[in-house]
Amino acid sequence: MIVVHHLNNSRSQRILWLLEELGVPYEIRRYQRDPKTMLAPPELRQVHPLGKSPVIADGEVTLAESGAIIEYLADRYAAGVLIPAHGTPQRRRCNYWLHYAEGSAMPPLLLKLVFRRVETAPSPFFVKPVARGIARKVLSGFVDPQLKLHLEYLEGELGESEWFGGDAFGVADIQLSFPLEAFAARGGLDASYPRLSAFLQRIHARPAYRRALQNGGEYSLDG
């Protein structure tokens, strides 16, 4: 049975969702973030040296990184259904989204989280104005324009189809769910992006998504 090392409020929620879509049995091993630092517990380092989630174990295969896990699971358990065949234009587009989600979309979202915390973090009175000023300047001058650029790009990509991989739901949509939920929580995704808003409504209505939430527990990207 597949074992999912699952950290609350993390990318591993996508893996639970994919397994529910595939109908593949799995076991969850749970880890909780530190409520103050929001970091993963040290126990995860016993599973993977970076101490991050998700990590899966499938027999003798242990694998980290969401995109690699999603591609592996889909190729093994749903080739040609949720993921296109190798060597096709559809597969190249799918692979693009698997990499884009973490390589391009998530960095400005992470910067938004970090500088927003810098802006609000407790600090000595003589340092606080400087820290807030730097944080606000970085946010307004670089981070927020980058977030807007990505939102406009993603909104446009849904112009001809309801799904990012093409006419049918697939793993590209599962991979993109995490950054888009983060965009909705803190990156400016609102009703002014109707296609992306409708996309989130569609995925949240999927039975497999709901089962994954029930199995995975609390899930919130606010912060």
N, C-alpha and C. Protein backbone atom coordinates (compact mmCIF):
# COMPACT_ATOMS: atom_id res chain seq x y z
N MET A 1 0.84 -1.20 0.00
CA MET A 1 0.00 0.00 0.00
C MET A 1 0.87 1.25 0.00
N ILE A 2 0.44 2.27 -0.71
CA ILE A 2 1.17 3.52 -0.77
C ILE A 2 1.06 4.24 0.58
N VAL A 3 2.17 4.75 1.06
CA VAL A 3 2.21 5.54 2.29
C VAL A 3 2.47 6.99 1.92
N VAL A 4 1.61 7.89 2.39
CA VAL A 4 1.78 9.32 2.15
C VAL A 4 2.18 9.97 3.46
N HIS A 5 3.37 10.56 3.47
CA HIS A 5 3.82 11.33 4.63
C HIS A 5 3.22 12.73 4.48
N HIS A 6 2.20 12.98 5.27
CA HIS A 6 1.30 14.11 5.05
C HIS A 6 1.48 15.17 6.14
N LEU A 7 1.85 16.38 5.70
CA LEU A 7 1.97 17.53 6.59
C LEU A 7 0.73 18.39 6.44
N ASN A 8 0.18 18.83 7.56
CA ASN A 8 -1.03 19.65 7.48
C ASN A 8 -0.76 20.95 6.73
N ASN A 9 -1.78 21.45 6.04
CA ASN A 9 -1.69 22.71 5.28
C ASN A 9 -0.48 22.73 4.34
N SER A 10 -0.37 21.70 3.56
CA SER A 10 0.80 21.61 2.69
C SER A 10 0.46 21.03 1.33
N ARG A 11 1.47 20.96 0.49
CA ARG A 11 1.34 20.42 -0.85
C ARG A 11 0.92 18.95 -0.86
N SER A 12 1.10 18.26 0.23
CA SER A 12 0.75 16.84 0.24
C SER A 12 -0.75 16.63 0.10
N GLN A 13 -1.55 17.68 0.32
CA GLN A 13 -2.99 17.54 0.11
C GLN A 13 -3.28 17.17 -1.35
N ARG A 14 -2.46 17.67 -2.27
CA ARG A 14 -2.64 17.33 -3.68
C ARG A 14 -2.46 15.85 -3.94
N ILE A 15 -1.53 15.24 -3.21
CA ILE A 15 -1.25 13.82 -3.42
C ILE A 15 -2.42 12.97 -2.94
N LEU A 16 -3.00 13.34 -1.80
CA LEU A 16 -4.19 12.64 -1.32
C LEU A 16 -5.31 12.75 -2.35
N TRP A 17 -5.47 13.93 -2.90
CA TRP A 17 -6.52 14.15 -3.90
C TRP A 17 -6.30 13.27 -5.12
N LEU A 18 -5.07 13.23 -5.63
CA LEU A 18 -4.78 12.41 -6.80
C LEU A 18 -5.08 10.94 -6.51
N LEU A 19 -4.67 10.45 -5.34
CA LEU A 19 -4.92 9.05 -5.00
C LEU A 19 -6.41 8.76 -4.91
N GLU A 20 -7.18 9.72 -4.43
CA GLU A 20 -8.63 9.56 -4.41
C GLU A 20 -9.20 9.52 -5.83
N GLU A 21 -8.68 10.36 -6.71
CA GLU A 21 -9.12 10.34 -8.10
C GLU A 21 -8.78 9.00 -8.76
N LEU A 22 -7.63 8.45 -8.41
CA LEU A 22 -7.19 7.19 -9.00
C LEU A 22 -7.88 5.98 -8.39
N GLY A 23 -8.42 6.15 -7.18
CA GLY A 23 -9.00 5.01 -6.48
C GLY A 23 -7.97 4.03 -5.98
N VAL A 24 -6.77 4.53 -5.69
CA VAL A 24 -5.67 3.68 -5.21
C VAL A 24 -5.64 3.73 -3.69
N PRO A 25 -5.62 2.58 -3.01
CA PRO A 25 -5.55 2.58 -1.54
C PRO A 25 -4.25 3.22 -1.04
N TYR A 26 -4.34 3.90 0.08
CA TYR A 26 -3.16 4.54 0.65
C TYR A 26 -3.32 4.66 2.16
N GLU A 27 -2.18 4.86 2.80
CA GLU A 27 -2.13 5.07 4.24
C GLU A 27 -1.53 6.44 4.50
N ILE A 28 -2.07 7.17 5.45
CA ILE A 28 -1.56 8.51 5.79
C ILE A 28 -0.74 8.44 7.07
N ARG A 29 0.45 8.98 7.03
CA ARG A 29 1.25 9.21 8.25
C ARG A 29 1.32 10.72 8.45
N ARG A 30 0.80 11.18 9.56
CA ARG A 30 0.53 12.60 9.75
C ARG A 30 1.65 13.30 10.52
N TYR A 31 1.87 14.55 10.12
CA TYR A 31 2.83 15.42 10.78
C TYR A 31 2.18 16.80 10.92
N GLN A 32 2.46 17.48 12.01
CA GLN A 32 1.87 18.78 12.27
C GLN A 32 2.93 19.87 12.27
N ARG A 33 2.62 21.00 11.68
CA ARG A 33 3.53 22.13 11.69
C ARG A 33 3.66 22.70 13.10
N ASP A 34 4.80 23.31 13.38
CA ASP A 34 4.96 24.06 14.61
C ASP A 34 4.03 25.28 14.54
N PRO A 35 3.16 25.47 15.53
CA PRO A 35 2.17 26.56 15.43
C PRO A 35 2.79 27.96 15.42
N LYS A 36 4.02 28.10 15.91
CA LYS A 36 4.67 29.41 15.93
C LYS A 36 5.48 29.66 14.66
N THR A 37 6.31 28.69 14.29
CA THR A 37 7.18 28.88 13.13
C THR A 37 6.53 28.42 11.83
N MET A 38 5.52 27.58 11.92
CA MET A 38 4.84 26.97 10.78
C MET A 38 5.75 26.02 10.00
N LEU A 39 6.87 25.63 10.62
CA LEU A 39 7.79 24.70 9.98
C LEU A 39 7.36 23.26 10.26
N ALA A 40 7.81 22.36 9.40
CA ALA A 40 7.52 20.94 9.58
C ALA A 40 8.30 20.42 10.78
N PRO A 41 7.79 19.38 11.45
CA PRO A 41 8.50 18.83 12.60
C PRO A 41 9.77 18.09 12.18
N PRO A 42 10.74 17.97 13.09
CA PRO A 42 12.00 17.30 12.74
C PRO A 42 11.83 15.83 12.36
N GLU A 43 10.72 15.22 12.76
CA GLU A 43 10.50 13.81 12.43
C GLU A 43 10.49 13.56 10.92
N LEU A 44 10.11 14.59 10.15
CA LEU A 44 10.06 14.40 8.70
C LEU A 44 11.46 14.22 8.10
N ARG A 45 12.48 14.66 8.81
CA ARG A 45 13.85 14.46 8.31
C ARG A 45 14.25 12.99 8.32
N GLN A 46 13.57 12.20 9.12
CA GLN A 46 13.83 10.76 9.12
C GLN A 46 13.29 10.12 7.85
N VAL A 47 12.36 10.80 7.20
CA VAL A 47 11.77 10.30 5.96
C VAL A 47 12.54 10.83 4.75
N HIS A 48 12.86 12.13 4.79
CA HIS A 48 13.59 12.78 3.70
C HIS A 48 14.54 13.81 4.31
N PRO A 49 15.77 13.90 3.82
CA PRO A 49 16.76 14.79 4.45
C PRO A 49 16.33 16.25 4.54
N LEU A 50 15.50 16.73 3.62
CA LEU A 50 15.05 18.12 3.67
C LEU A 50 13.92 18.33 4.67
N GLY A 51 13.34 17.24 5.16
CA GLY A 51 12.27 17.37 6.15
C GLY A 51 11.03 18.04 5.62
N LYS A 52 10.70 17.79 4.36
CA LYS A 52 9.54 18.42 3.75
C LYS A 52 8.52 17.37 3.33
N SER A 53 7.34 17.85 3.03
CA SER A 53 6.25 16.99 2.58
C SER A 53 5.69 17.59 1.30
N PRO A 54 5.23 16.76 0.35
CA PRO A 54 4.93 15.35 0.50
C PRO A 54 6.12 14.44 0.18
N VAL A 55 6.07 13.27 0.77
CA VAL A 55 6.92 12.15 0.42
C VAL A 55 6.01 10.93 0.38
N ILE A 56 6.20 10.07 -0.61
CA ILE A 56 5.44 8.83 -0.64
C ILE A 56 6.39 7.64 -0.65
N ALA A 57 5.89 6.52 -0.16
CA ALA A 57 6.58 5.24 -0.28
C ALA A 57 5.63 4.28 -0.97
N ASP A 58 6.07 3.73 -2.08
CA ASP A 58 5.28 2.77 -2.85
C ASP A 58 6.14 1.53 -3.05
N GLY A 59 6.01 0.58 -2.14
CA GLY A 59 6.91 -0.56 -2.18
C GLY A 59 8.33 -0.12 -1.89
N GLU A 60 9.22 -0.40 -2.83
CA GLU A 60 10.63 -0.03 -2.65
C GLU A 60 10.92 1.39 -3.15
N VAL A 61 9.93 2.04 -3.70
CA VAL A 61 10.11 3.39 -4.24
C VAL A 61 9.75 4.43 -3.18
N THR A 62 10.68 5.32 -2.88
CA THR A 62 10.41 6.47 -2.02
C THR A 62 10.68 7.71 -2.86
N LEU A 63 9.70 8.62 -2.86
CA LEU A 63 9.77 9.74 -3.80
C LEU A 63 9.28 11.02 -3.14
N ALA A 64 10.00 12.12 -3.39
CA ALA A 64 9.62 13.45 -2.91
C ALA A 64 9.35 14.34 -4.12
N GLU A 65 8.90 15.56 -3.82
CA GLU A 65 8.56 16.61 -4.80
C GLU A 65 7.22 16.31 -5.45
N SER A 66 6.29 17.25 -5.31
CA SER A 66 4.92 17.05 -5.77
C SER A 66 4.84 16.68 -7.25
N GLY A 67 5.53 17.42 -8.10
CA GLY A 67 5.44 17.15 -9.52
C GLY A 67 5.92 15.76 -9.88
N ALA A 68 7.04 15.35 -9.27
CA ALA A 68 7.59 14.01 -9.54
C ALA A 68 6.65 12.92 -9.02
N ILE A 69 6.07 13.15 -7.85
CA ILE A 69 5.14 12.18 -7.28
C ILE A 69 3.90 12.05 -8.15
N ILE A 70 3.35 13.18 -8.55
CA ILE A 70 2.14 13.16 -9.37
C ILE A 70 2.40 12.45 -10.70
N GLU A 71 3.51 12.75 -11.33
CA GLU A 71 3.83 12.10 -12.60
C GLU A 71 4.01 10.60 -12.42
N TYR A 72 4.71 10.21 -11.37
CA TYR A 72 4.93 8.79 -11.11
C TYR A 72 3.62 8.05 -10.87
N LEU A 73 2.77 8.59 -9.99
CA LEU A 73 1.51 7.92 -9.66
C LEU A 73 0.59 7.83 -10.87
N ALA A 74 0.51 8.93 -11.64
CA ALA A 74 -0.37 8.93 -12.80
C ALA A 74 0.13 7.97 -13.88
N ASP A 75 1.44 7.94 -14.12
CA ASP A 75 1.99 7.02 -15.11
C ASP A 75 1.78 5.57 -14.70
N ARG A 76 1.91 5.31 -13.42
CA ARG A 76 1.80 3.91 -12.96
C ARG A 76 0.36 3.44 -12.86
N TYR A 77 -0.53 4.33 -12.42
CA TYR A 77 -1.88 3.88 -12.10
C TYR A 77 -2.97 4.44 -13.03
N ALA A 78 -2.62 5.41 -13.88
CA ALA A 78 -3.66 6.00 -14.74
C ALA A 78 -3.11 6.53 -16.04
N ALA A 79 -2.13 5.84 -16.61
CA ALA A 79 -1.53 6.32 -17.85
C ALA A 79 -2.58 6.46 -18.93
N GLY A 80 -2.58 7.62 -19.60
CA GLY A 80 -3.52 7.87 -20.67
C GLY A 80 -4.89 8.34 -20.22
N VAL A 81 -5.11 8.41 -18.90
CA VAL A 81 -6.41 8.85 -18.38
C VAL A 81 -6.27 10.24 -17.78
N LEU A 82 -5.59 10.35 -16.65
CA LEU A 82 -5.37 11.65 -16.04
C LEU A 82 -4.09 12.32 -16.52
N ILE A 83 -3.27 11.56 -17.24
CA ILE A 83 -2.03 12.13 -17.77
C ILE A 83 -1.86 11.65 -19.21
N PRO A 84 -1.50 12.54 -20.13
CA PRO A 84 -1.37 12.13 -21.54
C PRO A 84 -0.19 11.19 -21.75
N ALA A 85 -0.19 10.53 -22.88
CA ALA A 85 0.88 9.60 -23.22
C ALA A 85 2.18 10.34 -23.47
N HIS A 86 3.29 9.67 -23.16
CA HIS A 86 4.61 10.24 -23.41
C HIS A 86 4.79 10.54 -24.90
N GLY A 87 5.50 11.62 -25.20
CA GLY A 87 5.84 11.95 -26.57
C GLY A 87 4.78 12.69 -27.34
N THR A 88 3.68 13.04 -26.68
CA THR A 88 2.60 13.76 -27.35
C THR A 88 2.66 15.24 -27.00
N PRO A 89 2.09 16.12 -27.84
CA PRO A 89 2.03 17.54 -27.48
C PRO A 89 1.27 17.77 -26.17
N GLN A 90 0.25 16.96 -25.94
CA GLN A 90 -0.53 17.10 -24.70
C GLN A 90 0.33 16.80 -23.48
N ARG A 91 1.24 15.81 -23.62
CA ARG A 91 2.12 15.48 -22.49
C ARG A 91 3.13 16.60 -22.24
N ARG A 92 3.62 17.21 -23.31
CA ARG A 92 4.55 18.33 -23.13
C ARG A 92 3.86 19.48 -22.42
N ARG A 93 2.61 19.75 -22.77
CA ARG A 93 1.87 20.81 -22.09
C ARG A 93 1.64 20.45 -20.62
N CYS A 94 1.31 19.20 -20.37
CA CYS A 94 1.10 18.74 -19.00
C CYS A 94 2.39 18.88 -18.19
N ASN A 95 3.51 18.45 -18.76
CA ASN A 95 4.79 18.56 -18.05
C ASN A 95 5.15 20.01 -17.76
N TYR A 96 4.79 20.89 -18.70
CA TYR A 96 5.04 22.31 -18.46
C TYR A 96 4.34 22.78 -17.19
N TRP A 97 3.07 22.44 -17.04
CA TRP A 97 2.32 22.88 -15.86
C TRP A 97 2.85 22.22 -14.59
N LEU A 98 3.29 20.97 -14.68
CA LEU A 98 3.84 20.30 -13.51
C LEU A 98 5.07 21.05 -12.98
N HIS A 99 5.85 21.62 -13.89
CA HIS A 99 7.03 22.38 -13.48
C HIS A 99 6.69 23.84 -13.16
N TYR A 100 5.81 24.44 -13.94
CA TYR A 100 5.45 25.84 -13.75
C TYR A 100 4.88 26.08 -12.35
N ALA A 101 4.05 25.18 -11.87
CA ALA A 101 3.36 25.40 -10.60
C ALA A 101 4.33 25.71 -9.47
N GLU A 102 5.42 24.96 -9.39
CA GLU A 102 6.39 25.18 -8.32
C GLU A 102 7.53 26.10 -8.74
N GLY A 103 7.92 26.01 -10.01
CA GLY A 103 9.09 26.77 -10.45
C GLY A 103 8.81 28.24 -10.72
N SER A 104 7.58 28.58 -11.13
CA SER A 104 7.26 29.96 -11.48
C SER A 104 6.17 30.57 -10.62
N ALA A 105 5.11 29.82 -10.36
CA ALA A 105 3.97 30.40 -9.64
C ALA A 105 4.22 30.54 -8.14
N MET A 106 4.88 29.56 -7.54
CA MET A 106 5.02 29.59 -6.08
C MET A 106 6.05 30.59 -5.54
N PRO A 107 7.18 30.88 -6.22
CA PRO A 107 8.15 31.82 -5.64
C PRO A 107 7.57 33.18 -5.26
N PRO A 108 6.81 33.88 -6.12
CA PRO A 108 6.27 35.17 -5.66
C PRO A 108 5.25 35.02 -4.54
N LEU A 109 4.53 33.90 -4.49
CA LEU A 109 3.60 33.66 -3.39
C LEU A 109 4.35 33.49 -2.08
N LEU A 110 5.50 32.80 -2.14
CA LEU A 110 6.32 32.64 -0.94
C LEU A 110 6.89 33.98 -0.50
N LEU A 111 7.33 34.80 -1.46
CA LEU A 111 7.84 36.13 -1.12
C LEU A 111 6.75 36.97 -0.47
N LYS A 112 5.53 36.86 -0.97
CA LYS A 112 4.41 37.59 -0.38
C LYS A 112 4.24 37.20 1.08
N LEU A 113 4.29 35.91 1.35
CA LEU A 113 4.12 35.43 2.72
C LEU A 113 5.25 35.93 3.62
N VAL A 114 6.49 35.85 3.13
CA VAL A 114 7.64 36.23 3.94
C VAL A 114 7.62 37.73 4.24
N PHE A 115 7.42 38.56 3.22
CA PHE A 115 7.48 40.01 3.45
C PHE A 115 6.26 40.53 4.19
N ARG A 116 5.15 39.83 4.08
CA ARG A 116 4.00 40.23 4.88
C ARG A 116 4.27 39.96 6.36
N ARG A 117 4.98 38.88 6.63
CA ARG A 117 5.33 38.59 8.02
C ARG A 117 6.38 39.56 8.54
N VAL A 118 7.32 39.94 7.66
CA VAL A 118 8.30 40.95 8.07
C VAL A 118 7.59 42.25 8.43
N GLU A 119 6.59 42.59 7.64
CA GLU A 119 5.85 43.84 7.84
C GLU A 119 5.12 43.87 9.18
N THR A 120 4.64 42.70 9.63
CA THR A 120 3.82 42.65 10.84
C THR A 120 4.53 42.06 12.05
N ALA A 121 5.77 41.60 11.87
CA ALA A 121 6.47 40.92 12.97
C ALA A 121 6.85 41.89 14.07
N PRO A 122 6.82 41.45 15.33
CA PRO A 122 7.28 42.29 16.44
C PRO A 122 8.76 42.63 16.27
N SER A 123 9.12 43.86 16.57
CA SER A 123 10.52 44.30 16.48
C SER A 123 10.70 45.55 17.33
N PRO A 124 11.95 45.88 17.70
CA PRO A 124 12.19 47.11 18.47
C PRO A 124 11.63 48.33 17.76
N PHE A 125 11.14 49.30 18.52
CA PHE A 125 10.44 50.46 17.95
C PHE A 125 11.29 51.21 16.94
N PHE A 126 12.63 51.22 17.15
CA PHE A 126 13.49 51.98 16.25
C PHE A 126 13.80 51.21 14.96
N VAL A 127 13.49 49.92 14.94
CA VAL A 127 13.71 49.09 13.75
C VAL A 127 12.43 48.92 12.95
N LYS A 128 11.30 48.91 13.66
CA LYS A 128 10.02 48.58 13.02
C LYS A 128 9.71 49.45 11.81
N PRO A 129 9.85 50.77 11.86
CA PRO A 129 9.52 51.58 10.67
C PRO A 129 10.39 51.23 9.46
N VAL A 130 11.65 50.94 9.71
CA VAL A 130 12.55 50.58 8.61
C VAL A 130 12.15 49.25 8.00
N ALA A 131 11.89 48.24 8.87
CA ALA A 131 11.51 46.91 8.38
C ALA A 131 10.20 46.98 7.60
N ARG A 132 9.24 47.71 8.14
CA ARG A 132 7.96 47.84 7.45
C ARG A 132 8.11 48.56 6.12
N GLY A 133 8.94 49.59 6.11
CA GLY A 133 9.15 50.34 4.87
C GLY A 133 9.78 49.48 3.79
N ILE A 134 10.78 48.69 4.17
CA ILE A 134 11.42 47.80 3.19
C ILE A 134 10.43 46.76 2.69
N ALA A 135 9.69 46.15 3.61
CA ALA A 135 8.73 45.12 3.22
C ALA A 135 7.68 45.68 2.27
N ARG A 136 7.15 46.86 2.60
CA ARG A 136 6.11 47.44 1.74
C ARG A 136 6.65 47.81 0.37
N LYS A 137 7.90 48.27 0.33
CA LYS A 137 8.48 48.64 -0.95
C LYS A 137 8.70 47.41 -1.83
N VAL A 138 9.18 46.33 -1.23
CA VAL A 138 9.39 45.09 -2.00
C VAL A 138 8.06 44.54 -2.48
N LEU A 139 7.05 44.57 -1.61
CA LEU A 139 5.73 44.05 -1.98
C LEU A 139 5.10 44.86 -3.12
N SER A 140 5.11 46.17 -2.97
CA SER A 140 4.44 47.01 -3.97
C SER A 140 5.24 47.13 -5.26
N GLY A 141 6.58 47.10 -5.15
CA GLY A 141 7.41 47.32 -6.32
C GLY A 141 7.75 46.07 -7.10
N PHE A 142 7.69 44.91 -6.45
CA PHE A 142 8.09 43.69 -7.15
C PHE A 142 7.10 42.55 -6.98
N VAL A 143 6.78 42.19 -5.74
CA VAL A 143 6.00 40.98 -5.50
C VAL A 143 4.59 41.09 -6.05
N ASP A 144 3.87 42.14 -5.69
CA ASP A 144 2.48 42.28 -6.14
C ASP A 144 2.37 42.38 -7.66
N PRO A 145 3.25 43.13 -8.35
CA PRO A 145 3.19 43.11 -9.82
C PRO A 145 3.45 41.72 -10.42
N GLN A 146 4.34 40.95 -9.78
CA GLN A 146 4.58 39.60 -10.27
C GLN A 146 3.35 38.71 -10.08
N LEU A 147 2.70 38.84 -8.94
CA LEU A 147 1.48 38.06 -8.70
C LEU A 147 0.41 38.40 -9.74
N LYS A 148 0.26 39.67 -10.02
CA LYS A 148 -0.73 40.10 -11.01
C LYS A 148 -0.39 39.55 -12.40
N LEU A 149 0.89 39.55 -12.74
CA LEU A 149 1.34 39.03 -14.03
C LEU A 149 0.95 37.55 -14.17
N HIS A 150 1.20 36.76 -13.12
CA HIS A 150 0.88 35.34 -13.18
C HIS A 150 -0.63 35.11 -13.21
N LEU A 151 -1.38 35.88 -12.46
CA LEU A 151 -2.83 35.71 -12.47
C LEU A 151 -3.41 36.01 -13.85
N GLU A 152 -2.93 37.06 -14.48
CA GLU A 152 -3.42 37.39 -15.82
C GLU A 152 -3.05 36.30 -16.82
N TYR A 153 -1.85 35.77 -16.68
CA TYR A 153 -1.41 34.68 -17.55
C TYR A 153 -2.28 33.45 -17.38
N LEU A 154 -2.50 33.04 -16.14
CA LEU A 154 -3.30 31.85 -15.86
C LEU A 154 -4.75 32.04 -16.28
N GLU A 155 -5.29 33.22 -16.05
CA GLU A 155 -6.65 33.51 -16.47
C GLU A 155 -6.78 33.35 -17.99
N GLY A 156 -5.79 33.84 -18.71
CA GLY A 156 -5.81 33.72 -20.16
C GLY A 156 -5.69 32.30 -20.65
N GLU A 157 -4.95 31.47 -19.92
CA GLU A 157 -4.77 30.08 -20.32
C GLU A 157 -6.04 29.26 -20.23
N LEU A 158 -7.01 29.73 -19.48
CA LEU A 158 -8.30 29.05 -19.39
C LEU A 158 -9.32 29.61 -20.38
N GLY A 159 -8.86 30.36 -21.34
CA GLY A 159 -9.77 31.00 -22.28
C GLY A 159 -10.46 30.04 -23.22
N GLU A 160 -9.81 28.92 -23.56
CA GLU A 160 -10.39 27.99 -24.54
C GLU A 160 -10.84 26.67 -23.91
N SER A 161 -10.54 26.43 -22.67
CA SER A 161 -10.89 25.18 -22.01
C SER A 161 -11.10 25.42 -20.53
N GLU A 162 -11.88 24.53 -19.91
CA GLU A 162 -12.10 24.63 -18.47
C GLU A 162 -10.91 24.10 -17.68
N TRP A 163 -10.03 23.36 -18.35
CA TRP A 163 -8.93 22.69 -17.66
C TRP A 163 -7.59 23.11 -18.26
N PHE A 164 -6.55 23.06 -17.46
CA PHE A 164 -5.25 23.53 -17.91
C PHE A 164 -4.58 22.55 -18.87
N GLY A 165 -4.89 21.28 -18.76
CA GLY A 165 -4.27 20.30 -19.65
C GLY A 165 -4.97 20.14 -20.97
N GLY A 166 -6.15 20.74 -21.13
CA GLY A 166 -6.91 20.59 -22.37
C GLY A 166 -8.39 20.45 -22.08
N ASP A 167 -9.04 19.57 -22.82
CA ASP A 167 -10.49 19.45 -22.71
C ASP A 167 -10.94 18.67 -21.48
N ALA A 168 -10.05 17.85 -20.92
CA ALA A 168 -10.43 16.98 -19.80
C ALA A 168 -9.61 17.31 -18.56
N PHE A 169 -10.22 17.08 -17.41
CA PHE A 169 -9.52 17.22 -16.13
C PHE A 169 -8.33 16.26 -16.09
N GLY A 170 -7.23 16.72 -15.48
CA GLY A 170 -6.05 15.85 -15.38
C GLY A 170 -5.10 16.32 -14.30
N VAL A 171 -3.92 15.74 -14.31
CA VAL A 171 -2.96 16.00 -13.24
C VAL A 171 -2.44 17.44 -13.26
N ALA A 172 -2.46 18.10 -14.42
CA ALA A 172 -2.04 19.50 -14.46
C ALA A 172 -2.91 20.34 -13.54
N ASP A 173 -4.20 20.02 -13.52
CA ASP A 173 -5.14 20.77 -12.67
C ASP A 173 -4.90 20.48 -11.19
N ILE A 174 -4.55 19.25 -10.87
CA ILE A 174 -4.23 18.91 -9.48
C ILE A 174 -2.97 19.65 -9.04
N GLN A 175 -1.95 19.67 -9.89
CA GLN A 175 -0.71 20.35 -9.54
C GLN A 175 -0.90 21.85 -9.36
N LEU A 176 -1.72 22.44 -10.21
CA LEU A 176 -1.93 23.89 -10.14
C LEU A 176 -2.88 24.29 -9.01
N SER A 177 -3.56 23.33 -8.42
CA SER A 177 -4.54 23.68 -7.37
C SER A 177 -3.88 24.38 -6.19
N PHE A 178 -2.70 23.94 -5.78
CA PHE A 178 -2.07 24.52 -4.59
C PHE A 178 -1.69 25.98 -4.81
N PRO A 179 -0.96 26.34 -5.88
CA PRO A 179 -0.68 27.77 -6.06
C PRO A 179 -1.95 28.60 -6.26
N LEU A 180 -2.95 28.06 -6.93
CA LEU A 180 -4.16 28.85 -7.14
C LEU A 180 -4.92 29.05 -5.83
N GLU A 181 -4.93 28.06 -4.97
CA GLU A 181 -5.54 28.25 -3.65
C GLU A 181 -4.75 29.26 -2.82
N ALA A 182 -3.42 29.25 -2.99
CA ALA A 182 -2.60 30.24 -2.31
C ALA A 182 -2.84 31.63 -2.89
N PHE A 183 -3.01 31.73 -4.20
CA PHE A 183 -3.36 33.01 -4.81
C PHE A 183 -4.68 33.53 -4.24
N ALA A 184 -5.65 32.64 -4.05
CA ALA A 184 -6.94 33.06 -3.51
C ALA A 184 -6.82 33.49 -2.05
N ALA A 185 -5.90 32.87 -1.31
CA ALA A 185 -5.76 33.18 0.11
C ALA A 185 -4.98 34.47 0.34
N ARG A 186 -3.93 34.72 -0.49
CA ARG A 186 -3.09 35.87 -0.19
C ARG A 186 -2.46 36.53 -1.42
N GLY A 187 -2.86 36.11 -2.62
CA GLY A 187 -2.19 36.60 -3.81
C GLY A 187 -3.04 37.38 -4.76
N GLY A 188 -4.26 37.75 -4.36
CA GLY A 188 -5.05 38.63 -5.19
C GLY A 188 -6.05 37.97 -6.11
N LEU A 189 -6.22 36.65 -6.01
CA LEU A 189 -7.21 35.98 -6.86
C LEU A 189 -8.59 36.22 -6.27
N ASP A 190 -9.41 36.97 -7.01
CA ASP A 190 -10.76 37.29 -6.56
C ASP A 190 -11.71 37.25 -7.74
N ALA A 191 -12.88 37.82 -7.60
CA ALA A 191 -13.89 37.75 -8.64
C ALA A 191 -13.48 38.45 -9.93
N SER A 192 -12.45 39.27 -9.88
CA SER A 192 -11.98 39.93 -11.10
C SER A 192 -11.27 38.95 -12.04
N TYR A 193 -11.06 37.72 -11.58
CA TYR A 193 -10.52 36.64 -12.41
C TYR A 193 -11.57 35.54 -12.47
N PRO A 194 -12.61 35.71 -13.29
CA PRO A 194 -13.74 34.80 -13.26
C PRO A 194 -13.42 33.37 -13.67
N ARG A 195 -12.50 33.20 -14.63
CA ARG A 195 -12.17 31.84 -15.07
C ARG A 195 -11.44 31.08 -13.98
N LEU A 196 -10.49 31.73 -13.32
CA LEU A 196 -9.77 31.07 -12.23
C LEU A 196 -10.70 30.80 -11.05
N SER A 197 -11.58 31.74 -10.76
CA SER A 197 -12.54 31.53 -9.67
C SER A 197 -13.45 30.34 -9.97
N ALA A 198 -13.89 30.24 -11.22
CA ALA A 198 -14.74 29.11 -11.61
C ALA A 198 -13.96 27.80 -11.57
N PHE A 199 -12.68 27.85 -11.92
CA PHE A 199 -11.83 26.65 -11.84
C PHE A 199 -11.78 26.14 -10.41
N LEU A 200 -11.54 27.04 -9.46
CA LEU A 200 -11.48 26.62 -8.06
C LEU A 200 -12.81 26.04 -7.60
N GLN A 201 -13.90 26.61 -8.04
CA GLN A 201 -15.21 26.06 -7.68
C GLN A 201 -15.38 24.66 -8.25
N ARG A 202 -14.92 24.44 -9.48
CA ARG A 202 -15.05 23.11 -10.10
C ARG A 202 -14.24 22.06 -9.35
N ILE A 203 -12.99 22.39 -9.01
CA ILE A 203 -12.18 21.37 -8.34
C ILE A 203 -12.68 21.12 -6.92
N HIS A 204 -13.14 22.14 -6.24
CA HIS A 204 -13.63 21.97 -4.88
C HIS A 204 -14.91 21.14 -4.84
N ALA A 205 -15.63 21.09 -5.95
CA ALA A 205 -16.86 20.31 -6.01
C ALA A 205 -16.62 18.84 -6.35
N ARG A 206 -15.41 18.48 -6.73
CA ARG A 206 -15.15 17.10 -7.12
C ARG A 206 -15.22 16.19 -5.89
N PRO A 207 -15.92 15.07 -5.99
CA PRO A 207 -16.01 14.15 -4.84
C PRO A 207 -14.65 13.70 -4.31
N ALA A 208 -13.71 13.44 -5.21
CA ALA A 208 -12.39 12.99 -4.77
C ALA A 208 -11.67 14.08 -3.98
N TYR A 209 -11.84 15.32 -4.38
CA TYR A 209 -11.24 16.44 -3.64
C TYR A 209 -11.81 16.49 -2.23
N ARG A 210 -13.13 16.32 -2.12
CA ARG A 210 -13.78 16.37 -0.81
C ARG A 210 -13.34 15.21 0.08
N ARG A 211 -13.20 14.03 -0.51
CA ARG A 211 -12.74 12.88 0.28
C ARG A 211 -11.32 13.12 0.79
N ALA A 212 -10.47 13.70 -0.07
CA ALA A 212 -9.10 13.98 0.34
C ALA A 212 -9.05 14.97 1.51
N LEU A 213 -9.94 15.96 1.50
CA LEU A 213 -10.01 16.90 2.61
C LEU A 213 -10.44 16.21 3.89
N GLN A 214 -11.41 15.33 3.79
CA GLN A 214 -11.87 14.59 4.97
C GLN A 214 -10.74 13.73 5.53
N ASN A 215 -9.99 13.09 4.65
CA ASN A 215 -8.93 12.20 5.10
C ASN A 215 -7.70 12.97 5.58
N GLY A 216 -7.41 14.08 4.91
CA GLY A 216 -6.20 14.83 5.24
C GLY A 216 -6.34 15.73 6.43
N GLY A 217 -7.55 16.15 6.76
CA GLY A 217 -7.75 17.01 7.92
C GLY A 217 -7.70 18.48 7.55
N GLU A 218 -7.51 19.31 8.55
CA GLU A 218 -7.54 20.77 8.40
C GLU A 218 -6.65 21.21 7.23
N TYR A 219 -7.17 22.14 6.45
CA TYR A 219 -6.43 22.62 5.28
C TYR A 219 -6.74 24.08 5.06
N SER A 220 -5.77 24.95 5.28
CA SER A 220 -5.94 26.37 5.08
C SER A 220 -4.62 26.99 4.70
N LEU A 221 -4.65 27.84 3.66
CA LEU A 221 -3.42 28.50 3.20
C LEU A 221 -3.40 29.97 3.57
N ASP A 222 -4.28 30.41 4.46
CA ASP A 222 -4.22 31.77 4.96
C ASP A 222 -2.97 31.93 5.80
N GLY A 223 -2.41 33.12 5.73
CA GLY A 223 -1.24 33.34 6.56
C GLY A 223 -0.19 34.16 5.85
